[in-house]
N, C-alpha and C. Protein backbone atom coordinates (compact mmCIF):
# COMPACT_ATOMS: atom_id res chain seq x y z
N MET A 1 -127.66 -70.31 181.89
CA MET A 1 -126.46 -69.51 181.91
C MET A 1 -126.33 -68.79 180.57
N THR A 2 -126.04 -67.52 180.62
CA THR A 2 -125.85 -66.74 179.39
C THR A 2 -124.40 -66.89 178.92
N LEU A 3 -124.16 -66.47 177.70
CA LEU A 3 -122.79 -66.48 177.18
C LEU A 3 -121.90 -65.57 178.03
N GLU A 4 -122.43 -64.43 178.43
CA GLU A 4 -121.66 -63.51 179.28
C GLU A 4 -121.31 -64.15 180.62
N GLU A 5 -122.27 -64.85 181.21
CA GLU A 5 -122.01 -65.54 182.49
C GLU A 5 -120.98 -66.64 182.31
N LEU A 6 -121.07 -67.38 181.22
CA LEU A 6 -120.08 -68.43 180.95
C LEU A 6 -118.70 -67.82 180.80
N GLN A 7 -118.60 -66.73 180.06
CA GLN A 7 -117.30 -66.11 179.85
C GLN A 7 -116.70 -65.63 181.17
N ARG A 8 -117.51 -65.05 182.04
CA ARG A 8 -117.01 -64.63 183.35
C ARG A 8 -116.61 -65.82 184.20
N MET A 9 -117.40 -66.89 184.19
CA MET A 9 -117.10 -68.08 184.99
C MET A 9 -115.78 -68.71 184.55
N ILE A 10 -115.59 -68.87 183.24
CA ILE A 10 -114.35 -69.45 182.72
C ILE A 10 -113.17 -68.55 183.09
N ASP A 11 -113.36 -67.25 183.01
CA ASP A 11 -112.29 -66.31 183.37
C ASP A 11 -111.93 -66.46 184.84
N THR A 12 -112.93 -66.57 185.70
CA THR A 12 -112.67 -66.73 187.13
C THR A 12 -111.93 -68.04 187.42
N MET A 13 -112.35 -69.11 186.77
CA MET A 13 -111.76 -70.43 187.03
C MET A 13 -110.34 -70.56 186.49
N TYR A 14 -110.09 -70.01 185.32
CA TYR A 14 -108.86 -70.36 184.61
C TYR A 14 -107.98 -69.20 184.16
N SER A 15 -108.33 -67.96 184.44
CA SER A 15 -107.65 -66.82 183.81
C SER A 15 -106.14 -66.80 184.03
N ASP A 16 -105.67 -67.13 185.23
CA ASP A 16 -104.23 -67.10 185.46
C ASP A 16 -103.50 -68.08 184.55
N LYS A 17 -103.97 -69.32 184.51
CA LYS A 17 -103.33 -70.34 183.66
C LYS A 17 -103.44 -69.96 182.19
N ASP A 18 -104.62 -69.47 181.80
CA ASP A 18 -104.86 -69.16 180.40
C ASP A 18 -103.94 -68.06 179.89
N ARG A 19 -103.77 -67.03 180.66
CA ARG A 19 -102.92 -65.92 180.22
C ARG A 19 -101.45 -66.33 180.18
N GLN A 20 -101.06 -67.21 181.07
CA GLN A 20 -99.67 -67.73 181.03
C GLN A 20 -99.46 -68.58 179.78
N ARG A 21 -100.45 -69.36 179.40
CA ARG A 21 -100.36 -70.22 178.22
C ARG A 21 -100.33 -69.38 176.95
N GLY A 22 -101.10 -68.29 176.95
CA GLY A 22 -101.13 -67.40 175.80
C GLY A 22 -102.08 -67.85 174.72
N SER A 23 -102.22 -67.01 173.73
CA SER A 23 -103.16 -67.27 172.64
C SER A 23 -102.79 -68.49 171.81
N ALA A 24 -101.52 -68.63 171.47
CA ALA A 24 -101.12 -69.75 170.62
C ALA A 24 -101.37 -71.09 171.31
N GLY A 25 -100.96 -71.20 172.56
CA GLY A 25 -101.18 -72.44 173.30
C GLY A 25 -102.66 -72.73 173.51
N THR A 26 -103.43 -71.70 173.77
CA THR A 26 -104.87 -71.86 173.97
C THR A 26 -105.54 -72.28 172.68
N PHE A 27 -105.10 -71.71 171.56
CA PHE A 27 -105.65 -72.09 170.27
C PHE A 27 -105.38 -73.56 169.97
N LEU A 28 -104.20 -74.03 170.31
CA LEU A 28 -103.88 -75.45 170.09
C LEU A 28 -104.80 -76.35 170.91
N TRP A 29 -105.09 -75.97 172.15
CA TRP A 29 -106.02 -76.75 172.97
C TRP A 29 -107.41 -76.75 172.33
N LEU A 30 -107.84 -75.59 171.83
CA LEU A 30 -109.14 -75.51 171.16
C LEU A 30 -109.18 -76.46 169.97
N MET A 31 -108.12 -76.48 169.18
CA MET A 31 -108.09 -77.35 168.01
C MET A 31 -108.12 -78.83 168.41
N GLU A 32 -107.44 -79.17 169.48
CA GLU A 32 -107.49 -80.55 169.98
C GLU A 32 -108.92 -80.93 170.34
N GLU A 33 -109.61 -80.02 171.00
CA GLU A 33 -111.00 -80.29 171.38
C GLU A 33 -111.91 -80.38 170.15
N VAL A 34 -111.65 -79.57 169.13
CA VAL A 34 -112.43 -79.66 167.89
C VAL A 34 -112.23 -81.04 167.27
N GLY A 35 -111.00 -81.55 167.30
CA GLY A 35 -110.75 -82.90 166.79
C GLY A 35 -111.51 -83.96 167.57
N GLU A 36 -111.56 -83.81 168.89
CA GLU A 36 -112.31 -84.75 169.71
C GLU A 36 -113.81 -84.65 169.42
N LEU A 37 -114.29 -83.44 169.16
CA LEU A 37 -115.70 -83.27 168.79
C LEU A 37 -115.98 -83.95 167.46
N ALA A 38 -115.06 -83.82 166.51
CA ALA A 38 -115.25 -84.46 165.20
C ALA A 38 -115.38 -85.97 165.37
N ALA A 39 -114.54 -86.55 166.21
CA ALA A 39 -114.61 -87.99 166.45
C ALA A 39 -115.93 -88.37 167.12
N ALA A 40 -116.37 -87.56 168.06
CA ALA A 40 -117.63 -87.85 168.75
C ALA A 40 -118.82 -87.73 167.81
N VAL A 41 -118.80 -86.72 166.93
CA VAL A 41 -119.90 -86.56 165.97
C VAL A 41 -119.94 -87.77 165.03
N ALA A 42 -118.77 -88.26 164.65
CA ALA A 42 -118.70 -89.40 163.73
C ALA A 42 -119.19 -90.69 164.34
N GLU A 43 -118.85 -90.92 165.61
CA GLU A 43 -119.19 -92.23 166.18
C GLU A 43 -119.38 -92.25 167.68
N GLY A 44 -119.59 -91.11 168.28
CA GLY A 44 -119.74 -91.06 169.72
C GLY A 44 -121.17 -91.20 170.19
N SER A 45 -121.31 -91.47 171.47
CA SER A 45 -122.63 -91.54 172.09
C SER A 45 -123.16 -90.12 172.28
N PRO A 46 -124.44 -89.99 172.53
CA PRO A 46 -124.98 -88.65 172.80
C PRO A 46 -124.27 -87.96 173.98
N GLU A 47 -123.89 -88.71 174.98
CA GLU A 47 -123.19 -88.14 176.13
C GLU A 47 -121.79 -87.65 175.75
N GLU A 48 -121.10 -88.42 174.90
CA GLU A 48 -119.78 -88.00 174.44
C GLU A 48 -119.88 -86.73 173.59
N LYS A 49 -120.86 -86.68 172.71
CA LYS A 49 -121.06 -85.49 171.89
C LYS A 49 -121.32 -84.28 172.76
N GLU A 50 -122.19 -84.43 173.74
CA GLU A 50 -122.52 -83.32 174.64
C GLU A 50 -121.28 -82.81 175.35
N GLY A 51 -120.47 -83.71 175.86
CA GLY A 51 -119.25 -83.32 176.56
C GLY A 51 -118.27 -82.61 175.66
N GLU A 52 -118.13 -83.08 174.43
CA GLU A 52 -117.19 -82.45 173.50
C GLU A 52 -117.68 -81.09 173.02
N PHE A 53 -118.99 -80.95 172.79
CA PHE A 53 -119.51 -79.63 172.46
C PHE A 53 -119.22 -78.65 173.60
N ALA A 54 -119.42 -79.09 174.82
CA ALA A 54 -119.14 -78.22 175.98
C ALA A 54 -117.66 -77.86 176.05
N ASP A 55 -116.79 -78.82 175.79
CA ASP A 55 -115.35 -78.54 175.82
C ASP A 55 -114.94 -77.53 174.75
N VAL A 56 -115.47 -77.69 173.54
CA VAL A 56 -115.13 -76.76 172.46
C VAL A 56 -115.61 -75.35 172.81
N LEU A 57 -116.81 -75.24 173.34
CA LEU A 57 -117.32 -73.93 173.72
C LEU A 57 -116.46 -73.32 174.83
N ALA A 58 -116.09 -74.12 175.83
CA ALA A 58 -115.26 -73.60 176.92
C ALA A 58 -113.91 -73.12 176.43
N TRP A 59 -113.28 -73.86 175.52
CA TRP A 59 -111.97 -73.43 175.00
C TRP A 59 -112.10 -72.23 174.07
N LEU A 60 -113.20 -72.10 173.34
CA LEU A 60 -113.43 -70.91 172.53
C LEU A 60 -113.59 -69.68 173.44
N VAL A 61 -114.34 -69.84 174.51
CA VAL A 61 -114.50 -68.76 175.49
C VAL A 61 -113.15 -68.41 176.11
N THR A 62 -112.37 -69.43 176.42
CA THR A 62 -111.04 -69.20 176.99
C THR A 62 -110.19 -68.36 176.06
N LEU A 63 -110.17 -68.73 174.78
CA LEU A 63 -109.39 -67.97 173.81
C LEU A 63 -109.89 -66.54 173.70
N ALA A 64 -111.18 -66.35 173.71
CA ALA A 64 -111.74 -64.99 173.68
C ALA A 64 -111.28 -64.21 174.91
N ASN A 65 -111.27 -64.84 176.07
CA ASN A 65 -110.81 -64.16 177.28
C ASN A 65 -109.34 -63.76 177.16
N VAL A 66 -108.51 -64.66 176.68
CA VAL A 66 -107.09 -64.35 176.53
C VAL A 66 -106.90 -63.18 175.57
N GLU A 67 -107.72 -63.13 174.53
CA GLU A 67 -107.62 -62.09 173.51
C GLU A 67 -108.38 -60.81 173.89
N GLY A 68 -109.11 -60.84 175.01
CA GLY A 68 -109.85 -59.66 175.43
C GLY A 68 -111.09 -59.38 174.60
N VAL A 69 -111.72 -60.42 174.08
CA VAL A 69 -112.91 -60.28 173.25
C VAL A 69 -114.14 -60.62 174.09
N ASN A 70 -115.09 -59.70 174.14
CA ASN A 70 -116.37 -59.95 174.79
C ASN A 70 -117.25 -60.64 173.75
N LEU A 71 -117.51 -61.92 173.95
CA LEU A 71 -118.24 -62.70 172.95
C LEU A 71 -119.68 -62.23 172.78
N THR A 72 -120.32 -61.83 173.85
CA THR A 72 -121.70 -61.36 173.74
C THR A 72 -121.76 -60.15 172.81
N GLU A 73 -120.87 -59.19 173.03
CA GLU A 73 -120.84 -58.01 172.18
C GLU A 73 -120.47 -58.37 170.74
N ALA A 74 -119.49 -59.26 170.58
CA ALA A 74 -119.05 -59.65 169.23
C ALA A 74 -120.17 -60.33 168.45
N VAL A 75 -120.89 -61.23 169.09
CA VAL A 75 -121.97 -61.95 168.42
C VAL A 75 -123.11 -61.00 168.09
N CYS A 76 -123.44 -60.12 169.03
CA CYS A 76 -124.51 -59.15 168.77
C CYS A 76 -124.16 -58.24 167.61
N ARG A 77 -122.90 -57.77 167.58
CA ARG A 77 -122.48 -56.89 166.48
C ARG A 77 -122.53 -57.61 165.14
N LYS A 78 -122.07 -58.86 165.12
CA LYS A 78 -121.96 -59.58 163.85
C LYS A 78 -123.30 -60.15 163.38
N TYR A 79 -124.11 -60.71 164.32
CA TYR A 79 -125.31 -61.43 163.93
C TYR A 79 -126.61 -60.85 164.49
N GLY A 80 -126.52 -59.80 165.29
CA GLY A 80 -127.70 -59.24 165.93
C GLY A 80 -128.71 -58.65 164.98
N GLY A 81 -128.27 -58.26 163.80
CA GLY A 81 -129.18 -57.70 162.81
C GLY A 81 -129.57 -58.68 161.73
N GLY A 82 -129.25 -59.94 161.93
CA GLY A 82 -129.53 -60.97 160.93
C GLY A 82 -128.25 -61.42 160.26
N CYS A 83 -128.38 -62.07 159.13
CA CYS A 83 -127.24 -62.57 158.37
C CYS A 83 -126.30 -61.42 158.02
N PRO A 84 -125.00 -61.57 158.30
CA PRO A 84 -124.07 -60.50 157.95
C PRO A 84 -124.00 -60.21 156.45
N GLY A 85 -124.38 -61.18 155.62
CA GLY A 85 -124.33 -60.98 154.17
C GLY A 85 -125.54 -60.27 153.62
N CYS A 86 -126.74 -60.80 153.90
CA CYS A 86 -127.97 -60.24 153.32
C CYS A 86 -128.77 -59.41 154.30
N GLY A 87 -128.45 -59.50 155.59
CA GLY A 87 -129.15 -58.72 156.60
C GLY A 87 -130.51 -59.27 157.00
N LYS A 88 -130.86 -60.44 156.51
CA LYS A 88 -132.17 -61.03 156.82
C LYS A 88 -132.04 -62.06 157.93
N LEU A 89 -133.12 -62.24 158.68
CA LEU A 89 -133.12 -63.23 159.75
C LEU A 89 -132.98 -64.64 159.19
N VAL A 90 -133.65 -64.92 158.09
CA VAL A 90 -133.47 -66.18 157.38
C VAL A 90 -132.63 -65.87 156.15
N CYS A 91 -131.40 -66.37 156.14
CA CYS A 91 -130.43 -66.02 155.10
C CYS A 91 -130.94 -66.37 153.70
N THR A 92 -130.75 -65.41 152.80
CA THR A 92 -131.08 -65.62 151.40
C THR A 92 -129.86 -65.45 150.50
N CYS A 93 -128.67 -65.43 151.12
CA CYS A 93 -127.44 -65.29 150.33
C CYS A 93 -127.30 -66.46 149.36
N GLU A 94 -126.89 -66.17 148.16
CA GLU A 94 -126.72 -67.21 147.16
C GLU A 94 -125.33 -67.81 147.16
N CYS A 95 -124.36 -67.12 147.76
CA CYS A 95 -122.98 -67.58 147.67
C CYS A 95 -122.62 -68.59 148.75
N LYS A 96 -123.44 -68.74 149.77
CA LYS A 96 -123.14 -69.68 150.85
C LYS A 96 -124.23 -70.72 150.95
N VAL A 97 -123.81 -71.95 151.15
CA VAL A 97 -124.78 -73.04 151.28
C VAL A 97 -124.90 -73.43 152.72
């Protein structure tokens, strides 16, 4: 499944609820899932980690849908030419570790 396909699938499944909840409510759900991912990374099983990564991605896609952002286009614009800082495929920026 591509990112574009995922974004369309999430939109089909949840768009009515998501738009009613709005950006602020959706962002709060995303943050809750990020917290659950943090706990899973710290001490979860591989299955728990996998599930939480999937949840975080789904809620990020949901927020993008609510905001009208095409993630495929956004990622290609920002990272399609390499690192946004140095422009290289393997980053050589000195300011970021």
